[in-house]
Amino acid sequence: MQGSRHAASRFTKETTIALDEVLRGQIKYLVGQEARDATKEAKRGKEGEMERIAVMTGDDAKGDQERAERLCRRYPEARGG
């Protein structure tokens, strides 16, 4: 579950905690332009996170390829040549 925990709760299940927060009025509801702005901001954050993951994955793939090339140079019989 995404989001932050604001306070300790007497409940342990996430769904029960969420219901408790709603029933106690601890949840802020956004409407109108404020809601649209919050949605845009959330999308930007998610896109930035996905880009960061893609960059990390690309770096890892490059490192794997370099390791494979070193092993092939070191053990040419392994690749059949």
PDB file of N, CA and C in Angstrom:
ATOM      1  N   MET A   1       0.841  -1.173   0.000  1.00  0.00           N
ATOM      2  CA  MET A   1       0.000   0.000   0.000  1.00  0.00           C
ATOM      3  C   MET A   1       0.886   1.236   0.000  1.00  0.00           C
ATOM      4  N   GLN A   2       0.620   2.165  -0.904  1.00  0.00           N
ATOM      5  CA  GLN A   2       1.418   3.376  -0.964  1.00  0.00           C
ATOM      6  C   GLN A   2       0.825   4.428  -0.051  1.00  0.00           C
ATOM      7  N   GLY A   3       1.642   5.378   0.285  1.00  0.00           N
ATOM      8  CA  GLY A   3       1.184   6.444   1.151  1.00  0.00           C
ATOM      9  C   GLY A   3       1.976   6.438   2.435  1.00  0.00           C
ATOM     10  N   SER A   4       1.708   7.417   3.254  1.00  0.00           N
ATOM     11  CA  SER A   4       2.454   7.488   4.500  1.00  0.00           C
ATOM     12  C   SER A   4       1.532   7.225   5.673  1.00  0.00           C
ATOM     13  N   ARG A   5       2.108   6.684   6.689  1.00  0.00           N
ATOM     14  CA  ARG A   5       1.357   6.475   7.927  1.00  0.00           C
ATOM     15  C   ARG A   5       1.528   7.732   8.767  1.00  0.00           C
ATOM     16  N   HIS A   6       0.409   8.310   9.147  1.00  0.00           N
ATOM     17  CA  HIS A   6       0.471   9.570   9.877  1.00  0.00           C
ATOM     18  C   HIS A   6       0.586   9.366  11.375  1.00  0.00           C
ATOM     19  N   ALA A   7      -0.030   8.349  11.883  1.00  0.00           N
ATOM     20  CA  ALA A   7      -0.008   8.138  13.325  1.00  0.00           C
ATOM     21  C   ALA A   7      -0.146   6.650  13.614  1.00  0.00           C
ATOM     22  N   ALA A   8       0.273   6.277  14.795  1.00  0.00           N
ATOM     23  CA  ALA A   8       0.127   4.887  15.203  1.00  0.00           C
ATOM     24  C   ALA A   8      -1.358   4.568  15.316  1.00  0.00           C
ATOM     25  N   SER A   9      -1.705   3.341  15.020  1.00  0.00           N
ATOM     26  CA  SER A   9      -3.109   2.945  15.058  1.00  0.00           C
ATOM     27  C   SER A   9      -3.265   1.723  15.950  1.00  0.00           C
ATOM     28  N   ARG A  10      -4.430   1.578  16.465  1.00  0.00           N
ATOM     29  CA  ARG A  10      -4.687   0.400  17.286  1.00  0.00           C
ATOM     30  C   ARG A  10      -5.002  -0.814  16.417  1.00  0.00           C
ATOM     31  N   PHE A  11      -5.127  -0.585  15.108  1.00  0.00           N
ATOM     32  CA  PHE A  11      -5.427  -1.667  14.181  1.00  0.00           C
ATOM     33  C   PHE A  11      -4.164  -2.113  13.461  1.00  0.00           C
ATOM     34  N   THR A  12      -4.201  -3.336  12.936  1.00  0.00           N
ATOM     35  CA  THR A  12      -3.033  -3.862  12.235  1.00  0.00           C
ATOM     36  C   THR A  12      -3.268  -4.012  10.732  1.00  0.00           C
ATOM     37  N   LYS A  13      -4.482  -4.270  10.319  1.00  0.00           N
ATOM     38  CA  LYS A  13      -4.765  -4.453   8.891  1.00  0.00           C
ATOM     39  C   LYS A  13      -4.875  -3.097   8.206  1.00  0.00           C
ATOM     40  N   GLU A  14      -4.270  -3.001   7.017  1.00  0.00           N
ATOM     41  CA  GLU A  14      -4.238  -1.732   6.299  1.00  0.00           C
ATOM     42  C   GLU A  14      -5.631  -1.225   5.966  1.00  0.00           C
ATOM     43  N   THR A  15      -6.524  -2.132   5.573  1.00  0.00           N
ATOM     44  CA  THR A  15      -7.883  -1.726   5.224  1.00  0.00           C
ATOM     45  C   THR A  15      -8.611  -1.164   6.430  1.00  0.00           C
ATOM     46  N   THR A  16      -8.434  -1.798   7.580  1.00  0.00           N
ATOM     47  CA  THR A  16      -9.086  -1.325   8.795  1.00  0.00           C
ATOM     48  C   THR A  16      -8.530   0.028   9.216  1.00  0.00           C
ATOM     49  N   ILE A  17      -7.227   0.212   9.066  1.00  0.00           N
ATOM     50  CA  ILE A  17      -6.602   1.496   9.388  1.00  0.00           C
ATOM     51  C   ILE A  17      -7.176   2.586   8.480  1.00  0.00           C
ATOM     52  N   ALA A  18      -7.309   2.283   7.186  1.00  0.00           N
ATOM     53  CA  ALA A  18      -7.845   3.262   6.239  1.00  0.00           C
ATOM     54  C   ALA A  18      -9.281   3.626   6.594  1.00  0.00           C
ATOM     55  N   LEU A  19     -10.099   2.637   6.907  1.00  0.00           N
ATOM     56  CA  LEU A  19     -11.482   2.915   7.298  1.00  0.00           C
ATOM     57  C   LEU A  19     -11.535   3.774   8.560  1.00  0.00           C
ATOM     58  N   ASP A  20     -10.691   3.460   9.511  1.00  0.00           N
ATOM     59  CA  ASP A  20     -10.638   4.218  10.759  1.00  0.00           C
ATOM     60  C   ASP A  20     -10.274   5.680  10.480  1.00  0.00           C
ATOM     61  N   GLU A  21      -9.300   5.907   9.606  1.00  0.00           N
ATOM     62  CA  GLU A  21      -8.894   7.271   9.263  1.00  0.00           C
ATOM     63  C   GLU A  21     -10.030   8.036   8.603  1.00  0.00           C
ATOM     64  N   VAL A  22     -10.754   7.371   7.702  1.00  0.00           N
ATOM     65  CA  VAL A  22     -11.879   8.024   7.022  1.00  0.00           C
ATOM     66  C   VAL A  22     -12.976   8.351   8.028  1.00  0.00           C
ATOM     67  N   LEU A  23     -13.325   7.392   8.863  1.00  0.00           N
ATOM     68  CA  LEU A  23     -14.410   7.607   9.822  1.00  0.00           C
ATOM     69  C   LEU A  23     -14.069   8.676  10.860  1.00  0.00           C
ATOM     70  N   ARG A  24     -12.810   8.835  11.182  1.00  0.00           N
ATOM     71  CA  ARG A  24     -12.398   9.852  12.158  1.00  0.00           C
ATOM     72  C   ARG A  24     -12.192  11.221  11.502  1.00  0.00           C
ATOM     73  N   GLY A  25     -12.304  11.273  10.180  1.00  0.00           N
ATOM     74  CA  GLY A  25     -12.136  12.541   9.477  1.00  0.00           C
ATOM     75  C   GLY A  25     -10.693  12.967   9.335  1.00  0.00           C
ATOM     76  N   GLN A  26      -9.774  12.024   9.347  1.00  0.00           N
ATOM     77  CA  GLN A  26      -8.355  12.343   9.244  1.00  0.00           C
ATOM     78  C   GLN A  26      -7.878  12.441   7.799  1.00  0.00           C
ATOM     79  N   ILE A  27      -8.754  12.147   6.859  1.00  0.00           N
ATOM     80  CA  ILE A  27      -8.397  12.154   5.446  1.00  0.00           C
ATOM     81  C   ILE A  27      -8.817  13.485   4.838  1.00  0.00           C
ATOM     82  N   LYS A  28      -7.909  14.107   4.097  1.00  0.00           N
ATOM     83  CA  LYS A  28      -8.221  15.370   3.440  1.00  0.00           C
ATOM     84  C   LYS A  28      -8.713  15.057   2.034  1.00  0.00           C
ATOM     85  N   TYR A  29      -9.893  15.534   1.704  1.00  0.00           N
ATOM     86  CA  TYR A  29     -10.461  15.335   0.376  1.00  0.00           C
ATOM     87  C   TYR A  29     -10.141  16.541  -0.485  1.00  0.00           C
ATOM     88  N   LEU A  30      -9.647  16.268  -1.677  1.00  0.00           N
ATOM     89  CA  LEU A  30      -9.321  17.337  -2.609  1.00  0.00           C
ATOM     90  C   LEU A  30     -10.408  17.405  -3.669  1.00  0.00           C
ATOM     91  N   VAL A  31     -10.801  18.619  -4.019  1.00  0.00           N
ATOM     92  CA  VAL A  31     -11.828  18.804  -5.044  1.00  0.00           C
ATOM     93  C   VAL A  31     -11.390  19.908  -5.986  1.00  0.00           C
ATOM     94  N   GLY A  32     -11.966  19.905  -7.174  1.00  0.00           N
ATOM     95  CA  GLY A  32     -11.716  20.963  -8.146  1.00  0.00           C
ATOM     96  C   GLY A  32     -10.281  21.009  -8.626  1.00  0.00           C
ATOM     97  N   GLN A  33      -9.791  22.227  -8.767  1.00  0.00           N
ATOM     98  CA  GLN A  33      -8.429  22.443  -9.293  1.00  0.00           C
ATOM     99  C   GLN A  33      -7.380  21.816  -8.392  1.00  0.00           C
ATOM    100  N   GLU A  34      -7.606  21.849  -7.096  1.00  0.00           N
ATOM    101  CA  GLU A  34      -6.657  21.249  -6.149  1.00  0.00           C
ATOM    102  C   GLU A  34      -6.510  19.747  -6.406  1.00  0.00           C
ATOM    103  N   ALA A  35      -7.619  19.076  -6.713  1.00  0.00           N
ATOM    104  CA  ALA A  35      -7.578  17.642  -7.018  1.00  0.00           C
ATOM    105  C   ALA A  35      -6.848  17.381  -8.329  1.00  0.00           C
ATOM    106  N   ARG A  36      -7.106  18.219  -9.335  1.00  0.00           N
ATOM    107  CA  ARG A  36      -6.414  18.051 -10.621  1.00  0.00           C
ATOM    108  C   ARG A  36      -4.914  18.263 -10.468  1.00  0.00           C
ATOM    109  N   ASP A  37      -4.535  19.281  -9.710  1.00  0.00           N
ATOM    110  CA  ASP A  37      -3.112  19.545  -9.483  1.00  0.00           C
ATOM    111  C   ASP A  37      -2.435  18.395  -8.745  1.00  0.00           C
ATOM    112  N   ALA A  38      -3.121  17.844  -7.758  1.00  0.00           N
ATOM    113  CA  ALA A  38      -2.559  16.721  -6.997  1.00  0.00           C
ATOM    114  C   ALA A  38      -2.381  15.498  -7.888  1.00  0.00           C
ATOM    115  N   THR A  39      -3.337  15.263  -8.787  1.00  0.00           N
ATOM    116  CA  THR A  39      -3.233  14.132  -9.717  1.00  0.00           C
ATOM    117  C   THR A  39      -2.035  14.309 -10.645  1.00  0.00           C
ATOM    118  N   LYS A  40      -1.860  15.526 -11.168  1.00  0.00           N
ATOM    119  CA  LYS A  40      -0.721  15.789 -12.053  1.00  0.00           C
ATOM    120  C   LYS A  40       0.603  15.597 -11.315  1.00  0.00           C
ATOM    121  N   GLU A  41       0.662  16.088 -10.101  1.00  0.00           N
ATOM    122  CA  GLU A  41       1.882  15.958  -9.308  1.00  0.00           C
ATOM    123  C   GLU A  41       2.199  14.489  -9.024  1.00  0.00           C
ATOM    124  N   ALA A  42       1.173  13.708  -8.720  1.00  0.00           N
ATOM    125  CA  ALA A  42       1.375  12.277  -8.454  1.00  0.00           C
ATOM    126  C   ALA A  42       1.883  11.562  -9.706  1.00  0.00           C
ATOM    127  N   LYS A  43       1.337  11.919 -10.869  1.00  0.00           N
ATOM    128  CA  LYS A  43       1.785  11.295 -12.122  1.00  0.00           C
ATOM    129  C   LYS A  43       3.237  11.644 -12.404  1.00  0.00           C
ATOM    130  N   ARG A  44       3.608  12.917 -12.159  1.00  0.00           N
ATOM    131  CA  ARG A  44       5.000  13.327 -12.376  1.00  0.00           C
ATOM    132  C   ARG A  44       5.948  12.536 -11.482  1.00  0.00           C
ATOM    133  N   GLY A  45       5.563  12.341 -10.247  1.00  0.00           N
ATOM    134  CA  GLY A  45       6.391  11.583  -9.319  1.00  0.00           C
ATOM    135  C   GLY A  45       6.534  10.136  -9.756  1.00  0.00           C
ATOM    136  N   LYS A  46       5.432   9.563 -10.227  1.00  0.00           N
ATOM    137  CA  LYS A  46       5.459   8.171 -10.676  1.00  0.00           C
ATOM    138  C   LYS A  46       6.308   8.020 -11.934  1.00  0.00           C
ATOM    139  N   GLU A  47       6.188   8.973 -12.869  1.00  0.00           N
ATOM    140  CA  GLU A  47       6.994   8.927 -14.090  1.00  0.00           C
ATOM    141  C   GLU A  47       8.477   9.061 -13.768  1.00  0.00           C
ATOM    142  N   GLY A  48       8.802   9.945 -12.823  1.00  0.00           N
ATOM    143  CA  GLY A  48      10.196  10.116 -12.420  1.00  0.00           C
ATOM    144  C   GLY A  48      10.757   8.855 -11.805  1.00  0.00           C
ATOM    145  N   GLU A  49       9.925   8.172 -11.011  1.00  0.00           N
ATOM    146  CA  GLU A  49      10.369   6.932 -10.394  1.00  0.00           C
ATOM    147  C   GLU A  49      10.585   5.850 -11.451  1.00  0.00           C
ATOM    148  N   MET A  50       9.678   5.767 -12.423  1.00  0.00           N
ATOM    149  CA  MET A  50       9.823   4.767 -13.488  1.00  0.00           C
ATOM    150  C   MET A  50      11.072   5.051 -14.318  1.00  0.00           C
ATOM    151  N   GLU A  51      11.350   6.329 -14.571  1.00  0.00           N
ATOM    152  CA  GLU A  51      12.555   6.692 -15.326  1.00  0.00           C
ATOM    153  C   GLU A  51      13.812   6.298 -14.551  1.00  0.00           C
ATOM    154  N   ARG A  52      13.790   6.521 -13.244  1.00  0.00           N
ATOM    155  CA  ARG A  52      14.938   6.162 -12.408  1.00  0.00           C
ATOM    156  C   ARG A  52      15.170   4.660 -12.442  1.00  0.00           C
ATOM    157  N   ILE A  53      14.101   3.891 -12.383  1.00  0.00           N
ATOM    158  CA  ILE A  53      14.212   2.426 -12.431  1.00  0.00           C
ATOM    159  C   ILE A  53      14.749   1.991 -13.795  1.00  0.00           C
ATOM    160  N   ALA A  54      14.268   2.618 -14.861  1.00  0.00           N
ATOM    161  CA  ALA A  54      14.734   2.262 -16.202  1.00  0.00           C
ATOM    162  C   ALA A  54      16.221   2.546 -16.355  1.00  0.00           C
ATOM    163  N   VAL A  55      16.668   3.659 -15.810  1.00  0.00           N
ATOM    164  CA  VAL A  55      18.090   4.006 -15.892  1.00  0.00           C
ATOM    165  C   VAL A  55      18.909   2.983 -15.120  1.00  0.00           C
ATOM    166  N   MET A  56      18.447   2.624 -13.934  1.00  0.00           N
ATOM    167  CA  MET A  56      19.176   1.633 -13.132  1.00  0.00           C
ATOM    168  C   MET A  56      19.215   0.288 -13.846  1.00  0.00           C
ATOM    169  N   THR A  57      18.121  -0.109 -14.439  1.00  0.00           N
ATOM    170  CA  THR A  57      18.059  -1.385 -15.141  1.00  0.00           C
ATOM    171  C   THR A  57      18.986  -1.374 -16.344  1.00  0.00           C
ATOM    172  N   GLY A  58      19.022  -0.265 -17.061  1.00  0.00           N
ATOM    173  CA  GLY A  58      19.918  -0.144 -18.213  1.00  0.00           C
ATOM    174  C   GLY A  58      21.365  -0.254 -17.802  1.00  0.00           C
ATOM    175  N   ASP A  59      21.735   0.378 -16.709  1.00  0.00           N
ATOM    176  CA  ASP A  59      23.107   0.296 -16.215  1.00  0.00           C
ATOM    177  C   ASP A  59      23.456  -1.131 -15.827  1.00  0.00           C
ATOM    178  N   ASP A  60      22.515  -1.814 -15.191  1.00  0.00           N
ATOM    179  CA  ASP A  60      22.758  -3.201 -14.802  1.00  0.00           C
ATOM    180  C   ASP A  60      22.932  -4.084 -16.031  1.00  0.00           C
ATOM    181  N   ALA A  61      22.117  -3.853 -17.056  1.00  0.00           N
ATOM    182  CA  ALA A  61      22.220  -4.656 -18.271  1.00  0.00           C
ATOM    183  C   ALA A  61      23.556  -4.416 -18.950  1.00  0.00           C
ATOM    184  N   LYS A  62      24.004  -3.167 -18.956  1.00  0.00           N
ATOM    185  CA  LYS A  62      25.300  -2.854 -19.561  1.00  0.00           C
ATOM    186  C   LYS A  62      26.418  -3.562 -18.804  1.00  0.00           C
ATOM    187  N   GLY A  63      26.352  -3.546 -17.486  1.00  0.00           N
ATOM    188  CA  GLY A  63      27.353  -4.232 -16.679  1.00  0.00           C
ATOM    189  C   GLY A  63      27.349  -5.731 -16.917  1.00  0.00           C
ATOM    190  N   ASP A  64      26.159  -6.323 -17.074  1.00  0.00           N
ATOM    191  CA  ASP A  64      26.061  -7.751 -17.348  1.00  0.00           C
ATOM    192  C   ASP A  64      26.692  -8.081 -18.691  1.00  0.00           C
ATOM    193  N   GLN A  65      26.446  -7.238 -19.685  1.00  0.00           N
ATOM    194  CA  GLN A  65      27.009  -7.471 -21.009  1.00  0.00           C
ATOM    195  C   GLN A  65      28.537  -7.393 -20.962  1.00  0.00           C
ATOM    196  N   GLU A  66      29.072  -6.422 -20.252  1.00  0.00           N
ATOM    197  CA  GLU A  66      30.525  -6.294 -20.137  1.00  0.00           C
ATOM    198  C   GLU A  66      31.131  -7.506 -19.438  1.00  0.00           C
ATOM    199  N   ARG A  67      30.478  -8.000 -18.389  1.00  0.00           N
ATOM    200  CA  ARG A  67      30.976  -9.200 -17.694  1.00  0.00           C
ATOM    201  C   ARG A  67      30.954 -10.415 -18.616  1.00  0.00           C
ATOM    202  N   ALA A  68      29.896 -10.541 -19.416  1.00  0.00           N
ATOM    203  CA  ALA A  68      29.799 -11.670 -20.340  1.00  0.00           C
ATOM    204  C   ALA A  68      30.905 -11.600 -21.390  1.00  0.00           C
ATOM    205  N   GLU A  69      31.182 -10.393 -21.894  1.00  0.00           N
ATOM    206  CA  GLU A  69      32.249 -10.244 -22.889  1.00  0.00           C
ATOM    207  C   GLU A  69      33.612 -10.592 -22.287  1.00  0.00           C
ATOM    208  N   ARG A  70      33.863 -10.178 -21.050  1.00  0.00           N
ATOM    209  CA  ARG A  70      35.132 -10.518 -20.394  1.00  0.00           C
ATOM    210  C   ARG A  70      35.269 -12.026 -20.232  1.00  0.00           C
ATOM    211  N   LEU A  71      34.183 -12.686 -19.836  1.00  0.00           N
ATOM    212  CA  LEU A  71      34.238 -14.145 -19.668  1.00  0.00           C
ATOM    213  C   LEU A  71      34.486 -14.848 -20.995  1.00  0.00           C
ATOM    214  N   CYS A  72      33.878 -14.345 -22.077  1.00  0.00           N
ATOM    215  CA  CYS A  72      34.093 -14.955 -23.393  1.00  0.00           C
ATOM    216  C   CYS A  72      35.533 -14.794 -23.847  1.00  0.00           C
ATOM    217  N   ARG A  73      36.154 -13.645 -23.539  1.00  0.00           N
ATOM    218  CA  ARG A  73      37.562 -13.449 -23.894  1.00  0.00           C
ATOM    219  C   ARG A  73      38.451 -14.360 -23.049  1.00  0.00           C
ATOM    220  N   ARG A  74      38.066 -14.556 -21.817  1.00  0.00           N
ATOM    221  CA  ARG A  74      38.879 -15.357 -20.904  1.00  0.00           C
ATOM    222  C   ARG A  74      38.752 -16.852 -21.190  1.00  0.00           C
ATOM    223  N   TYR A  75      37.562 -17.279 -21.556  1.00  0.00           N
ATOM    224  CA  TYR A  75      37.297 -18.694 -21.813  1.00  0.00           C
ATOM    225  C   TYR A  75      36.685 -18.859 -23.206  1.00  0.00           C
ATOM    226  N   PRO A  76      37.464 -18.724 -24.271  1.00  0.00           N
ATOM    227  CA  PRO A  76      36.918 -18.803 -25.637  1.00  0.00           C
ATOM    228  C   PRO A  76      36.269 -20.139 -25.943  1.00  0.00           C
ATOM    229  N   GLU A  77      36.734 -21.209 -25.291  1.00  0.00           N
ATOM    230  CA  GLU A  77      36.135 -22.531 -25.556  1.00  0.00           C
ATOM    231  C   GLU A  77      34.675 -22.599 -25.111  1.00  0.00           C
ATOM    232  N   ALA A  78      34.283 -21.737 -24.192  1.00  0.00           N
ATOM    233  CA  ALA A  78      32.909 -21.741 -23.671  1.00  0.00           C
ATOM    234  C   ALA A  78      31.911 -21.256 -24.713  1.00  0.00           C
ATOM    235  N   ARG A  79      32.363 -20.412 -25.631  1.00  0.00           N
ATOM    236  CA  ARG A  79      31.414 -19.936 -26.644  1.00  0.00           C
ATOM    237  C   ARG A  79      31.544 -20.706 -27.951  1.00  0.00           C
ATOM    238  N   GLY A  80      32.387 -21.714 -27.973  1.00  0.00           N
ATOM    239  CA  GLY A  80      32.493 -22.579 -29.151  1.00  0.00           C
ATOM    240  C   GLY A  80      33.513 -22.116 -30.154  1.00  0.00           C
ATOM    241  N   GLY A  81      34.480 -21.287 -29.768  1.00  0.00           N
ATOM    242  CA  GLY A  81      35.409 -20.760 -30.756  1.00  0.00           C
ATOM    243  C   GLY A  81      36.793 -20.888 -30.393  1.00  0.00           C
TER     244      GLY A  81
END
